[in-house]
């Protein structure tokens, strides 16, 4: 049995060099969502169940459209970063790269679809 210190076990394994960037991105997006989700619920909640014409008139105003767009973008970027960390922790090899690429593509596609929907309502 070899008696190695933690430092000796870690030597040669290298550094990920992106751990703090992911950490801060998640913290910043979490804080942004902490502010945006209640704003989104209060702006969107008042229009739920209204006719289409009233919804389009409501989202034609800048504040509700901007809040909805920001919420969509920040939510999917937070989702992308969180799922990427989960995949990096639990999946290894080629499948890890495939899943990370798939989740990045999925999150960007969902964000683009949401922004397109808000733009269609607002314009």
PDB file of N, CA and C in Angstrom:
ATOM      1  N   UNK A   1       0.845  -1.172   0.000  1.00  0.00           N
ATOM      2  CA  UNK A   1       0.000   0.000   0.000  1.00  0.00           C
ATOM      3  C   UNK A   1       0.889   1.233   0.000  1.00  0.00           C
ATOM      4  N   UNK A   2       0.556   2.180  -0.865  1.00  0.00           N
ATOM      5  CA  UNK A   2       1.354   3.392  -0.949  1.00  0.00           C
ATOM      6  C   UNK A   2       0.717   4.475  -0.101  1.00  0.00           C
ATOM      7  N   UNK A   3       1.561   5.167   0.630  1.00  0.00           N
ATOM      8  CA  UNK A   3       1.090   6.265   1.459  1.00  0.00           C
ATOM      9  C   UNK A   3       1.455   7.576   0.770  1.00  0.00           C
ATOM     10  N   UNK A   4       0.495   8.135   0.058  1.00  0.00           N
ATOM     11  CA  UNK A   4       0.715   9.369  -0.671  1.00  0.00           C
ATOM     12  C   UNK A   4      -0.119  10.488  -0.060  1.00  0.00           C
ATOM     13  N   UNK A   5       0.436  11.662  -0.091  1.00  0.00           N
ATOM     14  CA  UNK A   5      -0.336  12.814   0.358  1.00  0.00           C
ATOM     15  C   UNK A   5      -1.322  13.193  -0.740  1.00  0.00           C
ATOM     16  N   UNK A   6      -2.294  14.005  -0.398  1.00  0.00           N
ATOM     17  CA  UNK A   6      -3.262  14.461  -1.383  1.00  0.00           C
ATOM     18  C   UNK A   6      -2.567  15.220  -2.511  1.00  0.00           C
ATOM     19  N   UNK A   7      -1.566  15.994  -2.173  1.00  0.00           N
ATOM     20  CA  UNK A   7      -0.836  16.758  -3.180  1.00  0.00           C
ATOM     21  C   UNK A   7      -0.127  15.826  -4.154  1.00  0.00           C
ATOM     22  N   UNK A   8       0.500  14.773  -3.658  1.00  0.00           N
ATOM     23  CA  UNK A   8       1.212  13.830  -4.522  1.00  0.00           C
ATOM     24  C   UNK A   8       0.245  13.089  -5.452  1.00  0.00           C
ATOM     25  N   UNK A   9      -0.961  12.784  -4.964  1.00  0.00           N
ATOM     26  CA  UNK A   9      -1.956  12.122  -5.808  1.00  0.00           C
ATOM     27  C   UNK A   9      -2.431  13.036  -6.930  1.00  0.00           C
ATOM     28  N   UNK A  10      -2.445  14.344  -6.687  1.00  0.00           N
ATOM     29  CA  UNK A  10      -2.962  15.308  -7.656  1.00  0.00           C
ATOM     30  C   UNK A  10      -1.914  15.760  -8.660  1.00  0.00           C
ATOM     31  N   UNK A  11      -0.651  15.572  -8.379  1.00  0.00           N
ATOM     32  CA  UNK A  11       0.410  16.022  -9.282  1.00  0.00           C
ATOM     33  C   UNK A  11       0.297  15.277 -10.606  1.00  0.00           C
ATOM     34  N   UNK A  12       0.365  16.046 -11.688  1.00  0.00           N
ATOM     35  CA  UNK A  12       0.308  15.450 -13.015  1.00  0.00           C
ATOM     36  C   UNK A  12      -1.097  15.323 -13.576  1.00  0.00           C
ATOM     37  N   UNK A  13      -2.114  15.562 -12.772  1.00  0.00           N
ATOM     38  CA  UNK A  13      -3.477  15.443 -13.267  1.00  0.00           C
ATOM     39  C   UNK A  13      -3.926  16.710 -13.985  1.00  0.00           C
ATOM     40  N   UNK A  14      -3.220  17.794 -13.774  1.00  0.00           N
ATOM     41  CA  UNK A  14      -3.567  19.031 -14.456  1.00  0.00           C
ATOM     42  C   UNK A  14      -4.705  19.763 -13.793  1.00  0.00           C
ATOM     43  N   UNK A  15      -4.997  20.893 -14.339  1.00  0.00           N
ATOM     44  CA  UNK A  15      -6.054  21.738 -13.815  1.00  0.00           C
ATOM     45  C   UNK A  15      -7.125  21.903 -14.877  1.00  0.00           C
ATOM     46  N   UNK A  16      -8.358  21.932 -14.471  1.00  0.00           N
ATOM     47  CA  UNK A  16      -9.450  22.128 -15.418  1.00  0.00           C
ATOM     48  C   UNK A  16      -9.439  23.552 -15.965  1.00  0.00           C
ATOM     49  N   UNK A  17      -8.962  24.495 -15.178  1.00  0.00           N
ATOM     50  CA  UNK A  17      -8.833  25.898 -15.549  1.00  0.00           C
ATOM     51  C   UNK A  17     -10.163  26.568 -15.873  1.00  0.00           C
ATOM     52  N   UNK A  18     -11.272  25.946 -15.577  1.00  0.00           N
ATOM     53  CA  UNK A  18     -12.561  26.581 -15.837  1.00  0.00           C
ATOM     54  C   UNK A  18     -13.527  26.396 -14.675  1.00  0.00           C
ATOM     55  N   UNK A  19     -13.056  25.834 -13.584  1.00  0.00           N
ATOM     56  CA  UNK A  19     -13.950  25.588 -12.454  1.00  0.00           C
ATOM     57  C   UNK A  19     -14.504  26.854 -11.850  1.00  0.00           C
ATOM     58  N   UNK A  20     -13.663  27.864 -11.667  1.00  0.00           N
ATOM     59  CA  UNK A  20     -14.168  29.108 -11.074  1.00  0.00           C
ATOM     60  C   UNK A  20     -15.054  29.854 -12.052  1.00  0.00           C
ATOM     61  N   UNK A  21     -14.786  29.742 -13.348  1.00  0.00           N
ATOM     62  CA  UNK A  21     -15.641  30.411 -14.332  1.00  0.00           C
ATOM     63  C   UNK A  21     -17.052  29.823 -14.309  1.00  0.00           C
ATOM     64  N   UNK A  22     -17.149  28.489 -14.260  1.00  0.00           N
ATOM     65  CA  UNK A  22     -18.473  27.853 -14.157  1.00  0.00           C
ATOM     66  C   UNK A  22     -19.150  28.233 -12.853  1.00  0.00           C
ATOM     67  N   UNK A  23     -18.392  28.234 -11.769  1.00  0.00           N
ATOM     68  CA  UNK A  23     -18.946  28.567 -10.458  1.00  0.00           C
ATOM     69  C   UNK A  23     -19.541  29.973 -10.468  1.00  0.00           C
ATOM     70  N   UNK A  24     -18.781  30.950 -10.972  1.00  0.00           N
ATOM     71  CA  UNK A  24     -19.275  32.319 -10.973  1.00  0.00           C
ATOM     72  C   UNK A  24     -20.407  32.513 -11.972  1.00  0.00           C
ATOM     73  N   UNK A  25     -20.362  31.838 -13.097  1.00  0.00           N
ATOM     74  CA  UNK A  25     -21.461  31.943 -14.061  1.00  0.00           C
ATOM     75  C   UNK A  25     -22.762  31.427 -13.441  1.00  0.00           C
ATOM     76  N   UNK A  26     -22.669  30.327 -12.710  1.00  0.00           N
ATOM     77  CA  UNK A  26     -23.859  29.783 -12.049  1.00  0.00           C
ATOM     78  C   UNK A  26     -24.357  30.716 -10.948  1.00  0.00           C
ATOM     79  N   UNK A  27     -23.439  31.305 -10.183  1.00  0.00           N
ATOM     80  CA  UNK A  27     -23.847  32.225  -9.114  1.00  0.00           C
ATOM     81  C   UNK A  27     -24.509  33.470  -9.676  1.00  0.00           C
ATOM     82  N   UNK A  28     -23.931  34.033 -10.736  1.00  0.00           N
ATOM     83  CA  UNK A  28     -24.489  35.247 -11.330  1.00  0.00           C
ATOM     84  C   UNK A  28     -25.850  34.956 -11.954  1.00  0.00           C
ATOM     85  N   UNK A  29     -25.962  33.851 -12.681  1.00  0.00           N
ATOM     86  CA  UNK A  29     -27.252  33.531 -13.295  1.00  0.00           C
ATOM     87  C   UNK A  29     -28.294  33.169 -12.240  1.00  0.00           C
ATOM     88  N   UNK A  30     -27.868  32.562 -11.141  1.00  0.00           N
ATOM     89  CA  UNK A  30     -28.805  32.261 -10.050  1.00  0.00           C
ATOM     90  C   UNK A  30     -29.353  33.543  -9.440  1.00  0.00           C
ATOM     91  N   UNK A  31     -28.469  34.506  -9.232  1.00  0.00           N
ATOM     92  CA  UNK A  31     -28.913  35.783  -8.667  1.00  0.00           C
ATOM     93  C   UNK A  31     -29.830  36.514  -9.643  1.00  0.00           C
ATOM     94  N   UNK A  32     -29.482  36.481 -10.935  1.00  0.00           N
ATOM     95  CA  UNK A  32     -30.324  37.124 -11.938  1.00  0.00           C
ATOM     96  C   UNK A  32     -31.709  36.468 -11.979  1.00  0.00           C
ATOM     97  N   UNK A  33     -31.741  35.142 -11.887  1.00  0.00           N
ATOM     98  CA  UNK A  33     -33.033  34.449 -11.876  1.00  0.00           C
ATOM     99  C   UNK A  33     -33.820  34.731 -10.610  1.00  0.00           C
ATOM    100  N   UNK A  34     -33.110  34.957  -9.515  1.00  0.00           N
ATOM    101  CA  UNK A  34     -33.778  35.310  -8.265  1.00  0.00           C
ATOM    102  C   UNK A  34     -34.564  36.610  -8.423  1.00  0.00           C
ATOM    103  N   UNK A  35     -34.070  37.516  -9.238  1.00  0.00           N
ATOM    104  CA  UNK A  35     -34.771  38.771  -9.502  1.00  0.00           C
ATOM    105  C   UNK A  35     -35.773  38.641 -10.654  1.00  0.00           C
ATOM    106  N   UNK A  36     -35.390  37.898 -11.690  1.00  0.00           N
ATOM    107  CA  UNK A  36     -36.221  37.843 -12.892  1.00  0.00           C
ATOM    108  C   UNK A  36     -37.473  36.983 -12.757  1.00  0.00           C
ATOM    109  N   UNK A  37     -37.385  35.872 -12.049  1.00  0.00           N
ATOM    110  CA  UNK A  37     -38.545  34.972 -11.959  1.00  0.00           C
ATOM    111  C   UNK A  37     -39.749  35.653 -11.297  1.00  0.00           C
ATOM    112  N   UNK A  38     -39.589  36.328 -10.146  1.00  0.00           N
ATOM    113  CA  UNK A  38     -40.763  37.030  -9.608  1.00  0.00           C
ATOM    114  C   UNK A  38     -41.288  38.120 -10.541  1.00  0.00           C
ATOM    115  N   UNK A  39     -40.385  38.853 -11.185  1.00  0.00           N
ATOM    116  CA  UNK A  39     -40.834  39.863 -12.147  1.00  0.00           C
ATOM    117  C   UNK A  39     -41.613  39.218 -13.285  1.00  0.00           C
ATOM    118  N   UNK A  40     -41.103  38.104 -13.793  1.00  0.00           N
ATOM    119  CA  UNK A  40     -41.780  37.405 -14.873  1.00  0.00           C
ATOM    120  C   UNK A  40     -43.152  36.899 -14.429  1.00  0.00           C
ATOM    121  N   UNK A  41     -43.220  36.333 -13.248  1.00  0.00           N
ATOM    122  CA  UNK A  41     -44.501  35.804 -12.756  1.00  0.00           C
ATOM    123  C   UNK A  41     -45.522  36.929 -12.589  1.00  0.00           C
ATOM    124  N   UNK A  42     -45.096  38.060 -12.040  1.00  0.00           N
ATOM    125  CA  UNK A  42     -46.038  39.157 -11.841  1.00  0.00           C
ATOM    126  C   UNK A  42     -46.438  39.832 -13.148  1.00  0.00           C
ATOM    127  N   UNK A  43     -45.524  39.931 -14.110  1.00  0.00           N
ATOM    128  CA  UNK A  43     -45.908  40.544 -15.387  1.00  0.00           C
ATOM    129  C   UNK A  43     -46.702  39.584 -16.257  1.00  0.00           C
ATOM    130  N   UNK A  44     -46.305  38.318 -16.265  1.00  0.00           N
ATOM    131  CA  UNK A  44     -46.981  37.335 -17.099  1.00  0.00           C
ATOM    132  C   UNK A  44     -48.269  36.838 -16.454  1.00  0.00           C
ATOM    133  N   UNK A  45     -48.309  36.779 -15.139  1.00  0.00           N
ATOM    134  CA  UNK A  45     -49.471  36.236 -14.434  1.00  0.00           C
ATOM    135  C   UNK A  45     -50.732  37.039 -14.641  1.00  0.00           C
ATOM    136  N   UNK A  46     -50.593  38.345 -14.832  1.00  0.00           N
ATOM    137  CA  UNK A  46     -51.782  39.178 -15.004  1.00  0.00           C
ATOM    138  C   UNK A  46     -52.435  38.988 -16.367  1.00  0.00           C
ATOM    139  N   UNK A  47     -51.735  38.412 -17.309  1.00  0.00           N
ATOM    140  CA  UNK A  47     -52.250  38.272 -18.670  1.00  0.00           C
ATOM    141  C   UNK A  47     -52.681  36.842 -19.001  1.00  0.00           C
ATOM    142  N   UNK A  48     -52.466  35.907 -18.090  1.00  0.00           N
ATOM    143  CA  UNK A  48     -52.815  34.505 -18.331  1.00  0.00           C
ATOM    144  C   UNK A  48     -54.327  34.381 -18.520  1.00  0.00           C
ATOM    145  N   UNK A  49     -54.731  33.722 -19.571  1.00  0.00           N
ATOM    146  CA  UNK A  49     -56.145  33.492 -19.853  1.00  0.00           C
ATOM    147  C   UNK A  49     -56.802  34.595 -20.654  1.00  0.00           C
ATOM    148  N   UNK A  50     -56.050  35.615 -21.007  1.00  0.00           N
ATOM    149  CA  UNK A  50     -56.614  36.725 -21.781  1.00  0.00           C
ATOM    150  C   UNK A  50     -56.678  36.349 -23.257  1.00  0.00           C
ATOM    151  N   UNK A  51     -57.519  37.022 -24.017  1.00  0.00           N
ATOM    152  CA  UNK A  51     -57.580  36.754 -25.463  1.00  0.00           C
ATOM    153  C   UNK A  51     -56.262  37.138 -26.156  1.00  0.00           C
ATOM    154  N   UNK A  52     -56.067  36.578 -27.346  1.00  0.00           N
ATOM    155  CA  UNK A  52     -54.818  36.766 -28.092  1.00  0.00           C
ATOM    156  C   UNK A  52     -54.524  38.246 -28.360  1.00  0.00           C
ATOM    157  N   UNK A  53     -55.527  39.013 -28.724  1.00  0.00           N
ATOM    158  CA  UNK A  53     -55.328  40.429 -29.034  1.00  0.00           C
ATOM    159  C   UNK A  53     -54.826  41.189 -27.815  1.00  0.00           C
ATOM    160  N   UNK A  54     -55.367  40.855 -26.648  1.00  0.00           N
ATOM    161  CA  UNK A  54     -54.938  41.523 -25.425  1.00  0.00           C
ATOM    162  C   UNK A  54     -53.506  41.133 -25.046  1.00  0.00           C
ATOM    163  N   UNK A  55     -53.158  39.874 -25.277  1.00  0.00           N
ATOM    164  CA  UNK A  55     -51.796  39.413 -24.985  1.00  0.00           C
ATOM    165  C   UNK A  55     -50.797  40.099 -25.904  1.00  0.00           C
ATOM    166  N   UNK A  56     -51.099  40.175 -27.197  1.00  0.00           N
ATOM    167  CA  UNK A  56     -50.180  40.842 -28.120  1.00  0.00           C
ATOM    168  C   UNK A  56     -50.050  42.325 -27.798  1.00  0.00           C
ATOM    169  N   UNK A  57     -51.146  42.972 -27.400  1.00  0.00           N
ATOM    170  CA  UNK A  57     -51.067  44.382 -27.007  1.00  0.00           C
ATOM    171  C   UNK A  57     -50.235  44.541 -25.740  1.00  0.00           C
ATOM    172  N   UNK A  58     -50.355  43.599 -24.824  1.00  0.00           N
ATOM    173  CA  UNK A  58     -49.590  43.654 -23.574  1.00  0.00           C
ATOM    174  C   UNK A  58     -48.101  43.477 -23.829  1.00  0.00           C
ATOM    175  N   UNK A  59     -47.747  42.500 -24.662  1.00  0.00           N
ATOM    176  CA  UNK A  59     -46.331  42.254 -24.947  1.00  0.00           C
ATOM    177  C   UNK A  59     -45.758  43.228 -25.964  1.00  0.00           C
ATOM    178  N   UNK A  60     -46.580  44.063 -26.562  1.00  0.00           N
ATOM    179  CA  UNK A  60     -46.071  45.116 -27.439  1.00  0.00           C
ATOM    180  C   UNK A  60     -45.410  46.218 -26.615  1.00  0.00           C
ATOM    181  N   UNK A  61     -45.759  46.299 -25.344  1.00  0.00           N
ATOM    182  CA  UNK A  61     -45.081  47.259 -24.461  1.00  0.00           C
ATOM    183  C   UNK A  61     -43.687  46.721 -24.157  1.00  0.00           C
ATOM    184  N   UNK A  62     -42.704  47.597 -23.988  1.00  0.00           N
ATOM    185  CA  UNK A  62     -41.323  47.122 -23.837  1.00  0.00           C
ATOM    186  C   UNK A  62     -41.049  46.350 -22.544  1.00  0.00           C
ATOM    187  N   UNK A  63     -41.581  46.795 -21.417  1.00  0.00           N
ATOM    188  CA  UNK A  63     -41.209  46.167 -20.140  1.00  0.00           C
ATOM    189  C   UNK A  63     -41.566  44.679 -20.070  1.00  0.00           C
ATOM    190  N   UNK A  64     -42.811  44.269 -20.363  1.00  0.00           N
ATOM    191  CA  UNK A  64     -43.104  42.828 -20.305  1.00  0.00           C
ATOM    192  C   UNK A  64     -42.301  42.012 -21.306  1.00  0.00           C
ATOM    193  N   UNK A  65     -42.076  42.546 -22.509  1.00  0.00           N
ATOM    194  CA  UNK A  65     -41.317  41.806 -23.517  1.00  0.00           C
ATOM    195  C   UNK A  65     -39.862  41.646 -23.092  1.00  0.00           C
ATOM    196  N   UNK A  66     -39.272  42.691 -22.530  1.00  0.00           N
ATOM    197  CA  UNK A  66     -37.872  42.610 -22.087  1.00  0.00           C
ATOM    198  C   UNK A  66     -37.729  41.648 -20.922  1.00  0.00           C
ATOM    199  N   UNK A  67     -38.644  41.699 -19.971  1.00  0.00           N
ATOM    200  CA  UNK A  67     -38.592  40.786 -18.820  1.00  0.00           C
ATOM    201  C   UNK A  67     -38.733  39.340 -19.292  1.00  0.00           C
ATOM    202  N   UNK A  68     -39.659  39.081 -20.214  1.00  0.00           N
ATOM    203  CA  UNK A  68     -39.838  37.718 -20.724  1.00  0.00           C
ATOM    204  C   UNK A  68     -38.590  37.251 -21.475  1.00  0.00           C
ATOM    205  N   UNK A  69     -38.018  38.100 -22.307  1.00  0.00           N
ATOM    206  CA  UNK A  69     -36.832  37.719 -23.077  1.00  0.00           C
ATOM    207  C   UNK A  69     -35.637  37.477 -22.163  1.00  0.00           C
ATOM    208  N   UNK A  70     -35.419  38.352 -21.196  1.00  0.00           N
ATOM    209  CA  UNK A  70     -34.312  38.160 -20.261  1.00  0.00           C
ATOM    210  C   UNK A  70     -34.475  36.887 -19.445  1.00  0.00           C
ATOM    211  N   UNK A  71     -35.690  36.625 -19.012  1.00  0.00           N
ATOM    212  CA  UNK A  71     -35.945  35.418 -18.235  1.00  0.00           C
ATOM    213  C   UNK A  71     -35.659  34.167 -19.059  1.00  0.00           C
ATOM    214  N   UNK A  72     -36.075  34.165 -20.304  1.00  0.00           N
ATOM    215  CA  UNK A  72     -35.836  33.011 -21.169  1.00  0.00           C
ATOM    216  C   UNK A  72     -34.345  32.793 -21.387  1.00  0.00           C
ATOM    217  N   UNK A  73     -33.623  33.848 -21.722  1.00  0.00           N
ATOM    218  CA  UNK A  73     -32.193  33.723 -22.015  1.00  0.00           C
ATOM    219  C   UNK A  73     -31.410  33.279 -20.786  1.00  0.00           C
ATOM    220  N   UNK A  74     -31.633  33.946 -19.654  1.00  0.00           N
ATOM    221  CA  UNK A  74     -30.877  33.611 -18.443  1.00  0.00           C
ATOM    222  C   UNK A  74     -31.232  32.212 -17.950  1.00  0.00           C
ATOM    223  N   UNK A  75     -32.487  31.820 -18.057  1.00  0.00           N
ATOM    224  CA  UNK A  75     -32.894  30.484 -17.623  1.00  0.00           C
ATOM    225  C   UNK A  75     -32.203  29.398 -18.439  1.00  0.00           C
ATOM    226  N   UNK A  76     -32.173  29.546 -19.743  1.00  0.00           N
ATOM    227  CA  UNK A  76     -31.555  28.504 -20.561  1.00  0.00           C
ATOM    228  C   UNK A  76     -30.038  28.502 -20.470  1.00  0.00           C
ATOM    229  N   UNK A  77     -29.427  29.645 -20.226  1.00  0.00           N
ATOM    230  CA  UNK A  77     -27.975  29.653 -20.014  1.00  0.00           C
ATOM    231  C   UNK A  77     -27.631  29.000 -18.663  1.00  0.00           C
ATOM    232  N   UNK A  78     -28.456  29.238 -17.662  1.00  0.00           N
ATOM    233  CA  UNK A  78     -28.272  28.589 -16.361  1.00  0.00           C
ATOM    234  C   UNK A  78     -28.473  27.074 -16.498  1.00  0.00           C
ATOM    235  N   UNK A  79     -29.480  26.689 -17.256  1.00  0.00           N
ATOM    236  CA  UNK A  79     -29.743  25.272 -17.524  1.00  0.00           C
ATOM    237  C   UNK A  79     -28.540  24.630 -18.212  1.00  0.00           C
ATOM    238  N   UNK A  80     -27.999  25.314 -19.238  1.00  0.00           N
ATOM    239  CA  UNK A  80     -26.854  24.795 -19.990  1.00  0.00           C
ATOM    240  C   UNK A  80     -25.650  24.576 -19.078  1.00  0.00           C
ATOM    241  N   UNK A  81     -25.337  25.563 -18.245  1.00  0.00           N
ATOM    242  CA  UNK A  81     -24.185  25.428 -17.350  1.00  0.00           C
ATOM    243  C   UNK A  81     -24.397  24.330 -16.311  1.00  0.00           C
ATOM    244  N   UNK A  82     -25.589  24.240 -15.766  1.00  0.00           N
ATOM    245  CA  UNK A  82     -25.865  23.218 -14.760  1.00  0.00           C
ATOM    246  C   UNK A  82     -25.811  21.812 -15.316  1.00  0.00           C
ATOM    247  N   UNK A  83     -26.404  21.612 -16.471  1.00  0.00           N
ATOM    248  CA  UNK A  83     -26.390  20.277 -17.072  1.00  0.00           C
ATOM    249  C   UNK A  83     -24.978  19.905 -17.507  1.00  0.00           C
ATOM    250  N   UNK A  84     -24.216  20.884 -17.963  1.00  0.00           N
ATOM    251  CA  UNK A  84     -22.832  20.600 -18.355  1.00  0.00           C
ATOM    252  C   UNK A  84     -22.024  20.111 -17.159  1.00  0.00           C
ATOM    253  N   UNK A  85     -22.203  20.744 -16.011  1.00  0.00           N
ATOM    254  CA  UNK A  85     -21.497  20.301 -14.807  1.00  0.00           C
ATOM    255  C   UNK A  85     -21.935  18.892 -14.411  1.00  0.00           C
ATOM    256  N   UNK A  86     -23.236  18.611 -14.495  1.00  0.00           N
ATOM    257  CA  UNK A  86     -23.726  17.267 -14.177  1.00  0.00           C
ATOM    258  C   UNK A  86     -23.139  16.212 -15.111  1.00  0.00           C
ATOM    259  N   UNK A  87     -23.110  16.520 -16.400  1.00  0.00           N
ATOM    260  CA  UNK A  87     -22.561  15.562 -17.352  1.00  0.00           C
ATOM    261  C   UNK A  87     -21.071  15.355 -17.107  1.00  0.00           C
ATOM    262  N   UNK A  88     -20.340  16.434 -16.830  1.00  0.00           N
ATOM    263  CA  UNK A  88     -18.908  16.298 -16.562  1.00  0.00           C
ATOM    264  C   UNK A  88     -18.643  15.449 -15.330  1.00  0.00           C
ATOM    265  N   UNK A  89     -19.537  15.509 -14.354  1.00  0.00           N
ATOM    266  CA  UNK A  89     -19.349  14.742 -13.121  1.00  0.00           C
ATOM    267  C   UNK A  89     -19.694  13.262 -13.282  1.00  0.00           C
ATOM    268  N   UNK A  90     -20.705  12.935 -14.078  1.00  0.00           N
ATOM    269  CA  UNK A  90     -21.228  11.574 -14.079  1.00  0.00           C
ATOM    270  C   UNK A  90     -21.033  10.784 -15.364  1.00  0.00           C
ATOM    271  N   UNK A  91     -20.625  11.420 -16.451  1.00  0.00           N
ATOM    272  CA  UNK A  91     -20.441  10.716 -17.721  1.00  0.00           C
ATOM    273  C   UNK A  91     -18.995  10.907 -18.153  1.00  0.00           C
ATOM    274  N   UNK A  92     -18.396   9.866 -18.710  1.00  0.00           N
ATOM    275  CA  UNK A  92     -16.988   9.954 -19.109  1.00  0.00           C
ATOM    276  C   UNK A  92     -16.804   9.434 -20.527  1.00  0.00           C
ATOM    277  N   UNK A  93     -15.703   9.832 -21.130  1.00  0.00           N
ATOM    278  CA  UNK A  93     -15.365   9.347 -22.468  1.00  0.00           C
ATOM    279  C   UNK A  93     -16.026  10.159 -23.564  1.00  0.00           C
ATOM    280  N   UNK A  94     -16.217   9.515 -24.687  1.00  0.00           N
ATOM    281  CA  UNK A  94     -16.793  10.173 -25.852  1.00  0.00           C
ATOM    282  C   UNK A  94     -18.239  10.579 -25.610  1.00  0.00           C
ATOM    283  N   UNK A  95     -18.962   9.774 -24.859  1.00  0.00           N
ATOM    284  CA  UNK A  95     -20.365  10.087 -24.571  1.00  0.00           C
ATOM    285  C   UNK A  95     -20.488  11.420 -23.830  1.00  0.00           C
ATOM    286  N   UNK A  96     -19.504  11.747 -23.013  1.00  0.00           N
ATOM    287  CA  UNK A  96     -19.514  13.024 -22.289  1.00  0.00           C
ATOM    288  C   UNK A  96     -19.512  14.192 -23.283  1.00  0.00           C
ATOM    289  N   UNK A  97     -18.635  14.125 -24.266  1.00  0.00           N
ATOM    290  CA  UNK A  97     -18.555  15.194 -25.256  1.00  0.00           C
ATOM    291  C   UNK A  97     -19.829  15.279 -26.093  1.00  0.00           C
ATOM    292  N   UNK A  98     -20.364  14.133 -26.455  1.00  0.00           N
ATOM    293  CA  UNK A  98     -21.586  14.104 -27.260  1.00  0.00           C
ATOM    294  C   UNK A  98     -22.751  14.718 -26.482  1.00  0.00           C
ATOM    295  N   UNK A  99     -22.899  14.326 -25.226  1.00  0.00           N
ATOM    296  CA  UNK A  99     -23.998  14.854 -24.413  1.00  0.00           C
ATOM    297  C   UNK A  99     -23.851  16.345 -24.140  1.00  0.00           C
ATOM    298  N   UNK A 100     -22.629  16.797 -23.896  1.00  0.00           N
ATOM    299  CA  UNK A 100     -22.420  18.228 -23.654  1.00  0.00           C
ATOM    300  C   UNK A 100     -22.781  19.024 -24.905  1.00  0.00           C
ATOM    301  N   UNK A 101     -22.334  18.566 -26.065  1.00  0.00           N
ATOM    302  CA  UNK A 101     -22.696  19.252 -27.314  1.00  0.00           C
ATOM    303  C   UNK A 101     -24.204  19.241 -27.550  1.00  0.00           C
ATOM    304  N   UNK A 102     -24.837  18.109 -27.272  1.00  0.00           N
ATOM    305  CA  UNK A 102     -26.289  18.012 -27.466  1.00  0.00           C
ATOM    306  C   UNK A 102     -27.033  18.963 -26.531  1.00  0.00           C
ATOM    307  N   UNK A 103     -26.596  19.037 -25.282  1.00  0.00           N
ATOM    308  CA  UNK A 103     -27.285  19.919 -24.334  1.00  0.00           C
ATOM    309  C   UNK A 103     -27.042  21.392 -24.647  1.00  0.00           C
ATOM    310  N   UNK A 104     -25.846  21.722 -25.129  1.00  0.00           N
ATOM    311  CA  UNK A 104     -25.582  23.107 -25.521  1.00  0.00           C
ATOM    312  C   UNK A 104     -26.464  23.484 -26.715  1.00  0.00           C
ATOM    313  N   UNK A 105     -26.544  22.603 -27.698  1.00  0.00           N
ATOM    314  CA  UNK A 105     -27.393  22.864 -28.863  1.00  0.00           C
ATOM    315  C   UNK A 105     -28.866  22.964 -28.463  1.00  0.00           C
ATOM    316  N   UNK A 106     -29.299  22.079 -27.596  1.00  0.00           N
ATOM    317  CA  UNK A 106     -30.687  22.098 -27.133  1.00  0.00           C
ATOM    318  C   UNK A 106     -31.014  23.391 -26.389  1.00  0.00           C
ATOM    319  N   UNK A 107     -30.127  23.827 -25.511  1.00  0.00           N
ATOM    320  CA  UNK A 107     -30.415  25.028 -24.727  1.00  0.00           C
ATOM    321  C   UNK A 107     -30.409  26.273 -25.607  1.00  0.00           C
ATOM    322  N   UNK A 108     -29.470  26.365 -26.570  1.00  0.00           N
ATOM    323  CA  UNK A 108     -29.477  27.507 -27.487  1.00  0.00           C
ATOM    324  C   UNK A 108     -30.703  27.486 -28.391  1.00  0.00           C
ATOM    325  N   UNK A 109     -31.102  26.315 -28.842  1.00  0.00           N
ATOM    326  CA  UNK A 109     -32.290  26.218 -29.692  1.00  0.00           C
ATOM    327  C   UNK A 109     -33.554  26.601 -28.928  1.00  0.00           C
ATOM    328  N   UNK A 110     -33.659  26.163 -27.674  1.00  0.00           N
ATOM    329  CA  UNK A 110     -34.833  26.508 -26.868  1.00  0.00           C
ATOM    330  C   UNK A 110     -34.856  28.007 -26.565  1.00  0.00           C
ATOM    331  N   UNK A 111     -33.697  28.585 -26.270  1.00  0.00           N
ATOM    332  CA  UNK A 111     -33.636  30.028 -26.012  1.00  0.00           C
ATOM    333  C   UNK A 111     -34.007  30.810 -27.268  1.00  0.00           C
ATOM    334  N   UNK A 112     -33.511  30.379 -28.416  1.00  0.00           N
ATOM    335  CA  UNK A 112     -33.843  31.061 -29.666  1.00  0.00           C
ATOM    336  C   UNK A 112     -35.329  30.947 -29.985  1.00  0.00           C
ATOM    337  N   UNK A 113     -35.905  29.786 -29.723  1.00  0.00           N
ATOM    338  CA  UNK A 113     -37.338  29.600 -29.953  1.00  0.00           C
ATOM    339  C   UNK A 113     -38.162  30.506 -29.043  1.00  0.00           C
ATOM    340  N   UNK A 114     -37.764  30.597 -27.787  1.00  0.00           N
ATOM    341  CA  UNK A 114     -38.461  31.481 -26.849  1.00  0.00           C
ATOM    342  C   UNK A 114     -38.340  32.940 -27.238  1.00  0.00           C
ATOM    343  N   UNK A 115     -37.148  33.349 -27.656  1.00  0.00           N
ATOM    344  CA  UNK A 115     -36.963  34.737 -28.095  1.00  0.00           C
ATOM    345  C   UNK A 115     -37.772  35.034 -29.354  1.00  0.00           C
ATOM    346  N   UNK A 116     -37.832  34.058 -30.252  1.00  0.00           N
ATOM    347  CA  UNK A 116     -38.641  34.232 -31.452  1.00  0.00           C
ATOM    348  C   UNK A 116     -40.117  34.396 -31.087  1.00  0.00           C
ATOM    349  N   UNK A 117     -40.588  33.604 -30.144  1.00  0.00           N
ATOM    350  CA  UNK A 117     -41.989  33.702 -29.725  1.00  0.00           C
ATOM    351  C   UNK A 117     -42.289  35.062 -29.089  1.00  0.00           C
ATOM    352  N   UNK A 118     -41.378  35.546 -28.254  1.00  0.00           N
ATOM    353  CA  UNK A 118     -41.571  36.866 -27.632  1.00  0.00           C
ATOM    354  C   UNK A 118     -41.533  37.953 -28.704  1.00  0.00           C
ATOM    355  N   UNK A 119     -40.611  37.824 -29.653  1.00  0.00           N
ATOM    356  CA  UNK A 119     -40.529  38.812 -30.724  1.00  0.00           C
ATOM    357  C   UNK A 119     -41.794  38.825 -31.580  1.00  0.00           C
ATOM    358  N   UNK A 120     -42.341  37.638 -31.852  1.00  0.00           N
ATOM    359  CA  UNK A 120     -43.592  37.573 -32.623  1.00  0.00           C
ATOM    360  C   UNK A 120     -44.743  38.222 -31.879  1.00  0.00           C
ATOM    361  N   UNK A 121     -44.770  38.048 -30.562  1.00  0.00           N
ATOM    362  CA  UNK A 121     -45.821  38.673 -29.773  1.00  0.00           C
ATOM    363  C   UNK A 121     -45.616  40.188 -29.687  1.00  0.00           C
ATOM    364  N   UNK A 122     -44.359  40.595 -29.550  1.00  0.00           N
ATOM    365  CA  UNK A 122     -44.090  42.010 -29.324  1.00  0.00           C
ATOM    366  C   UNK A 122     -44.189  42.846 -30.605  1.00  0.00           C
ATOM    367  N   UNK A 123     -43.952  42.218 -31.748  1.00  0.00           N
ATOM    368  CA  UNK A 123     -43.936  43.022 -32.996  1.00  0.00           C
ATOM    369  C   UNK A 123     -45.185  42.854 -33.778  1.00  0.00           C
TER     370      UNK A 123
END
